[in-house]
Amino acid sequence: MAKFVLAVILLMTLGAVVESSNCMWGKKYLCSKYGCSYGCDRGYCWSQCNGICGITFFLHPDKVHYCKACKEWCWLENDREEYQKCSSNDDCRAIYKNKCRGGCAAI
């Protein structure tokens, strides 16, 4: 029983939503109003996403657009379903809500 309670507490802790301007990747990249880091890296746009950390949305379904306190990310696709190229973080502002081009990976 104690292990179950500990597991629930752990999941609730992971479910805490980053709602401030402090995003997981710090000031090197941009930060959305939902606490998601995004920007340009190696010539392509990327965004923080919710892969395995998204499981905590069962506890907070109203926060599905928020990023969790996990470093999970993906490359973003453009309207032609290709990787979006960029030369600066600002190039990614218009597409940071686009779908991932591939999986959401933890680092």
N, C-alpha and C. Protein backbone atom coordinates (compact mmCIF):
# COMPACT_ATOMS: atom_id res chain seq x y z
N MET A 1 0.82 -1.19 0.00
CA MET A 1 0.00 0.00 0.00
C MET A 1 0.87 1.26 0.00
N ALA A 2 1.95 1.23 0.78
CA ALA A 2 2.84 2.39 0.84
C ALA A 2 3.48 2.67 -0.52
N LYS A 3 3.81 1.60 -1.26
CA LYS A 3 4.40 1.79 -2.59
C LYS A 3 3.38 2.44 -3.53
N PHE A 4 2.12 2.04 -3.41
CA PHE A 4 1.08 2.62 -4.25
C PHE A 4 0.92 4.11 -3.96
N VAL A 5 0.88 4.47 -2.70
CA VAL A 5 0.75 5.88 -2.31
C VAL A 5 1.95 6.67 -2.81
N LEU A 6 3.14 6.11 -2.68
CA LEU A 6 4.34 6.76 -3.16
C LEU A 6 4.29 6.96 -4.68
N ALA A 7 3.79 5.95 -5.39
CA ALA A 7 3.67 6.06 -6.85
C ALA A 7 2.68 7.15 -7.24
N VAL A 8 1.57 7.25 -6.54
CA VAL A 8 0.58 8.29 -6.82
C VAL A 8 1.17 9.67 -6.56
N ILE A 9 1.90 9.80 -5.47
CA ILE A 9 2.53 11.09 -5.14
C ILE A 9 3.55 11.45 -6.22
N LEU A 10 4.31 10.47 -6.68
CA LEU A 10 5.29 10.72 -7.74
C LEU A 10 4.61 11.18 -9.02
N LEU A 11 3.52 10.52 -9.41
CA LEU A 11 2.80 10.92 -10.61
C LEU A 11 2.21 12.32 -10.46
N MET A 12 1.72 12.65 -9.30
CA MET A 12 1.17 13.98 -9.09
C MET A 12 2.27 15.04 -9.16
N THR A 13 3.45 14.69 -8.66
CA THR A 13 4.58 15.61 -8.72
C THR A 13 4.98 15.83 -10.17
N LEU A 14 5.05 14.75 -10.95
CA LEU A 14 5.37 14.88 -12.37
C LEU A 14 4.30 15.65 -13.11
N GLY A 15 3.08 15.61 -12.59
CA GLY A 15 1.97 16.29 -13.23
C GLY A 15 1.94 17.78 -12.98
N ALA A 16 2.83 18.27 -12.15
CA ALA A 16 2.87 19.71 -11.89
C ALA A 16 3.18 20.42 -13.18
N VAL A 17 2.42 21.41 -13.50
CA VAL A 17 2.56 22.11 -14.77
C VAL A 17 3.47 23.31 -14.61
N VAL A 18 4.33 23.47 -15.59
CA VAL A 18 5.21 24.63 -15.62
C VAL A 18 4.37 25.79 -16.15
N GLU A 19 3.96 26.69 -15.28
CA GLU A 19 3.09 27.79 -15.70
C GLU A 19 3.79 29.13 -15.64
N SER A 20 5.04 29.16 -15.38
CA SER A 20 5.74 30.43 -15.32
C SER A 20 6.54 30.62 -16.60
N SER A 21 7.28 31.71 -16.66
CA SER A 21 8.09 31.95 -17.84
C SER A 21 9.40 31.17 -17.79
N ASN A 22 9.58 30.36 -16.78
CA ASN A 22 10.78 29.54 -16.66
C ASN A 22 10.56 28.21 -17.36
N CYS A 23 11.05 28.09 -18.56
CA CYS A 23 10.90 26.86 -19.31
C CYS A 23 12.07 25.93 -19.04
N MET A 24 11.90 24.67 -19.40
CA MET A 24 12.89 23.63 -19.10
C MET A 24 14.25 23.88 -19.75
N TRP A 25 14.30 24.51 -20.90
CA TRP A 25 15.58 24.72 -21.58
C TRP A 25 16.16 26.11 -21.32
N GLY A 26 15.62 26.82 -20.38
CA GLY A 26 16.18 28.10 -19.98
C GLY A 26 16.04 29.21 -21.02
N LYS A 27 16.90 30.20 -20.91
CA LYS A 27 16.78 31.41 -21.72
C LYS A 27 17.43 31.32 -23.09
N LYS A 28 18.10 30.21 -23.38
CA LYS A 28 18.73 30.06 -24.70
C LYS A 28 17.68 29.96 -25.80
N TYR A 29 16.49 29.43 -25.46
CA TYR A 29 15.41 29.25 -26.41
C TYR A 29 14.20 30.06 -25.98
N LEU A 30 13.17 30.07 -26.80
CA LEU A 30 11.94 30.80 -26.50
C LEU A 30 11.04 29.98 -25.57
N CYS A 31 10.05 30.65 -24.98
CA CYS A 31 9.16 30.01 -24.02
C CYS A 31 7.73 30.43 -24.33
N SER A 32 6.84 29.46 -24.54
CA SER A 32 5.44 29.77 -24.84
C SER A 32 4.68 30.12 -23.57
N LYS A 33 3.47 30.62 -23.73
CA LYS A 33 2.65 30.96 -22.57
C LYS A 33 2.24 29.72 -21.79
N TYR A 34 2.42 28.54 -22.38
CA TYR A 34 2.10 27.28 -21.70
C TYR A 34 3.33 26.65 -21.04
N GLY A 35 4.44 27.37 -21.01
CA GLY A 35 5.64 26.86 -20.36
C GLY A 35 6.43 25.89 -21.22
N CYS A 36 6.26 25.96 -22.52
CA CYS A 36 6.96 25.05 -23.44
C CYS A 36 8.15 25.76 -24.08
N SER A 37 9.30 25.15 -24.00
CA SER A 37 10.47 25.67 -24.70
C SER A 37 10.36 25.33 -26.18
N TYR A 38 10.89 26.20 -27.03
CA TYR A 38 10.96 25.92 -28.46
C TYR A 38 11.98 26.85 -29.08
N GLY A 39 12.43 26.51 -30.29
CA GLY A 39 13.39 27.35 -30.95
C GLY A 39 14.07 26.66 -32.12
N CYS A 40 15.22 27.20 -32.48
CA CYS A 40 15.99 26.71 -33.62
C CYS A 40 17.26 26.05 -33.11
N ASP A 41 17.53 24.85 -33.59
CA ASP A 41 18.74 24.14 -33.20
C ASP A 41 19.23 23.35 -34.41
N ARG A 42 20.49 23.49 -34.74
CA ARG A 42 21.09 22.79 -35.88
C ARG A 42 20.34 23.04 -37.18
N GLY A 43 19.72 24.24 -37.30
CA GLY A 43 19.07 24.61 -38.54
C GLY A 43 17.62 24.18 -38.68
N TYR A 44 17.03 23.62 -37.63
CA TYR A 44 15.65 23.17 -37.68
C TYR A 44 14.89 23.58 -36.43
N CYS A 45 13.58 23.81 -36.59
CA CYS A 45 12.73 24.18 -35.45
C CYS A 45 12.39 22.95 -34.62
N TRP A 46 12.35 23.14 -33.33
CA TRP A 46 11.98 22.08 -32.40
C TRP A 46 11.07 22.67 -31.32
N SER A 47 10.41 21.79 -30.58
CA SER A 47 9.56 22.22 -29.48
C SER A 47 9.57 21.16 -28.38
N GLN A 48 9.41 21.63 -27.17
CA GLN A 48 9.19 20.70 -26.07
C GLN A 48 7.84 20.04 -26.32
N CYS A 49 7.70 18.77 -25.96
CA CYS A 49 6.47 18.04 -26.18
C CYS A 49 6.21 17.11 -24.99
N ASN A 50 5.08 16.49 -24.99
CA ASN A 50 4.72 15.58 -23.91
C ASN A 50 4.60 14.16 -24.45
N GLY A 51 5.65 13.40 -24.24
CA GLY A 51 5.66 12.00 -24.61
C GLY A 51 5.25 11.18 -23.41
N ILE A 52 6.21 10.53 -22.78
CA ILE A 52 5.93 9.72 -21.60
C ILE A 52 5.43 10.58 -20.45
N CYS A 53 5.87 11.81 -20.38
CA CYS A 53 5.38 12.71 -19.32
C CYS A 53 3.91 13.05 -19.52
N GLY A 54 3.41 12.90 -20.73
CA GLY A 54 2.01 13.18 -21.01
C GLY A 54 1.04 12.27 -20.29
N ILE A 55 1.55 11.16 -19.76
CA ILE A 55 0.69 10.24 -19.02
C ILE A 55 0.04 10.93 -17.82
N THR A 56 0.67 11.97 -17.32
CA THR A 56 0.12 12.67 -16.16
C THR A 56 -1.11 13.50 -16.51
N PHE A 57 -1.45 13.61 -17.80
CA PHE A 57 -2.66 14.34 -18.17
C PHE A 57 -3.91 13.62 -17.70
N PHE A 58 -3.77 12.33 -17.35
CA PHE A 58 -4.92 11.64 -16.75
C PHE A 58 -5.29 12.31 -15.43
N LEU A 59 -4.30 12.90 -14.78
CA LEU A 59 -4.54 13.60 -13.51
C LEU A 59 -4.94 15.05 -13.73
N HIS A 60 -4.51 15.64 -14.86
CA HIS A 60 -4.77 17.06 -15.15
C HIS A 60 -5.26 17.22 -16.59
N PRO A 61 -6.42 16.66 -16.96
CA PRO A 61 -6.86 16.73 -18.37
C PRO A 61 -7.10 18.15 -18.86
N ASP A 62 -7.34 19.09 -17.97
CA ASP A 62 -7.57 20.48 -18.37
C ASP A 62 -6.28 21.20 -18.74
N LYS A 63 -5.14 20.58 -18.52
CA LYS A 63 -3.84 21.20 -18.79
C LYS A 63 -3.13 20.55 -19.97
N VAL A 64 -3.86 19.93 -20.88
CA VAL A 64 -3.26 19.14 -21.95
C VAL A 64 -2.31 19.95 -22.84
N HIS A 65 -2.47 21.25 -22.95
CA HIS A 65 -1.59 22.06 -23.80
C HIS A 65 -0.34 22.53 -23.08
N TYR A 66 -0.24 22.29 -21.80
CA TYR A 66 0.91 22.73 -21.03
C TYR A 66 2.04 21.72 -21.12
N CYS A 67 3.26 22.21 -21.02
CA CYS A 67 4.40 21.31 -20.98
C CYS A 67 4.67 20.92 -19.54
N LYS A 68 5.16 19.74 -19.39
CA LYS A 68 5.47 19.20 -18.07
C LYS A 68 6.93 19.51 -17.73
N ALA A 69 7.27 19.18 -16.52
CA ALA A 69 8.63 19.41 -16.04
C ALA A 69 9.55 18.27 -16.49
N CYS A 70 9.48 17.92 -17.75
CA CYS A 70 10.33 16.88 -18.34
C CYS A 70 10.99 17.44 -19.58
N LYS A 71 12.19 17.01 -19.84
CA LYS A 71 12.89 17.45 -21.04
C LYS A 71 12.61 16.45 -22.16
N GLU A 72 11.47 16.61 -22.80
CA GLU A 72 11.10 15.83 -23.97
C GLU A 72 10.91 16.82 -25.11
N TRP A 73 11.32 16.45 -26.30
CA TRP A 73 11.28 17.38 -27.41
C TRP A 73 11.07 16.66 -28.73
N CYS A 74 10.76 17.44 -29.76
CA CYS A 74 10.64 16.89 -31.11
C CYS A 74 10.97 17.97 -32.13
N TRP A 75 11.32 17.54 -33.33
CA TRP A 75 11.49 18.46 -34.45
C TRP A 75 10.09 18.80 -34.95
N LEU A 76 9.88 20.03 -35.39
CA LEU A 76 8.57 20.46 -35.87
C LEU A 76 8.46 20.35 -37.39
N GLU A 77 7.23 20.08 -37.84
CA GLU A 77 7.02 20.02 -39.29
C GLU A 77 6.32 21.29 -39.77
N ASN A 78 6.52 21.59 -41.05
CA ASN A 78 5.87 22.75 -41.64
C ASN A 78 4.57 22.30 -42.32
N ASP A 79 3.93 23.20 -43.08
CA ASP A 79 2.66 22.86 -43.71
C ASP A 79 2.80 21.88 -44.87
N ARG A 80 4.03 21.61 -45.28
CA ARG A 80 4.28 20.61 -46.33
C ARG A 80 4.71 19.27 -45.73
N GLU A 81 4.56 19.14 -44.41
CA GLU A 81 4.93 17.94 -43.66
C GLU A 81 6.40 17.59 -43.81
N GLU A 82 7.23 18.65 -43.81
CA GLU A 82 8.69 18.51 -43.85
C GLU A 82 9.25 19.12 -42.57
N TYR A 83 10.49 18.81 -42.25
CA TYR A 83 11.14 19.46 -41.12
C TYR A 83 11.25 20.95 -41.43
N GLN A 84 10.91 21.80 -40.47
CA GLN A 84 10.95 23.25 -40.69
C GLN A 84 12.37 23.77 -40.48
N LYS A 85 12.95 24.36 -41.51
CA LYS A 85 14.29 24.92 -41.43
C LYS A 85 14.23 26.29 -40.76
N CYS A 86 15.34 26.69 -40.13
CA CYS A 86 15.41 27.99 -39.46
C CYS A 86 16.87 28.42 -39.34
N SER A 87 17.05 29.70 -39.05
CA SER A 87 18.40 30.21 -38.78
C SER A 87 18.44 30.90 -37.41
N SER A 88 17.27 31.14 -36.80
CA SER A 88 17.22 31.73 -35.46
C SER A 88 15.95 31.26 -34.76
N ASN A 89 15.89 31.45 -33.46
CA ASN A 89 14.70 31.07 -32.70
C ASN A 89 13.46 31.77 -33.22
N ASP A 90 13.59 33.03 -33.62
CA ASP A 90 12.44 33.79 -34.11
C ASP A 90 11.79 33.15 -35.34
N ASP A 91 12.56 32.42 -36.13
CA ASP A 91 12.01 31.74 -37.30
C ASP A 91 10.98 30.68 -36.92
N CYS A 92 10.98 30.26 -35.68
CA CYS A 92 10.10 29.16 -35.23
C CYS A 92 8.86 29.65 -34.49
N ARG A 93 8.74 30.95 -34.28
CA ARG A 93 7.58 31.48 -33.54
C ARG A 93 6.24 31.11 -34.15
N ALA A 94 6.13 31.19 -35.45
CA ALA A 94 4.85 30.95 -36.12
C ALA A 94 4.43 29.48 -36.14
N ILE A 95 5.36 28.58 -35.91
CA ILE A 95 5.02 27.15 -36.04
C ILE A 95 5.22 26.34 -34.77
N TYR A 96 5.50 26.99 -33.65
CA TYR A 96 5.83 26.20 -32.45
C TYR A 96 4.69 25.29 -31.99
N LYS A 97 3.46 25.53 -32.44
CA LYS A 97 2.34 24.66 -32.08
C LYS A 97 2.10 23.57 -33.12
N ASN A 98 2.90 23.55 -34.18
CA ASN A 98 2.73 22.50 -35.20
C ASN A 98 3.00 21.12 -34.64
N LYS A 99 2.60 20.12 -35.42
CA LYS A 99 2.82 18.73 -35.02
C LYS A 99 4.31 18.38 -35.04
N CYS A 100 4.64 17.39 -34.24
CA CYS A 100 5.99 16.84 -34.27
C CYS A 100 6.21 16.09 -35.57
N ARG A 101 7.40 16.22 -36.11
CA ARG A 101 7.79 15.44 -37.28
C ARG A 101 8.58 14.26 -36.74
N GLY A 102 7.90 13.19 -36.39
CA GLY A 102 8.52 12.06 -35.73
C GLY A 102 8.07 12.01 -34.27
N GLY A 103 8.79 11.25 -33.47
CA GLY A 103 8.39 11.04 -32.09
C GLY A 103 8.84 12.14 -31.14
N CYS A 104 8.28 12.09 -29.96
CA CYS A 104 8.64 12.99 -28.86
C CYS A 104 9.68 12.24 -28.03
N ALA A 105 10.90 12.75 -27.98
CA ALA A 105 12.00 12.03 -27.36
C ALA A 105 12.42 12.65 -26.04
N ALA A 106 12.76 11.81 -25.09
CA ALA A 106 13.30 12.28 -23.82
C ALA A 106 14.82 12.33 -23.91
N ILE A 107 15.41 13.34 -23.27
CA ILE A 107 16.87 13.41 -23.26
C ILE A 107 17.39 13.33 -21.85
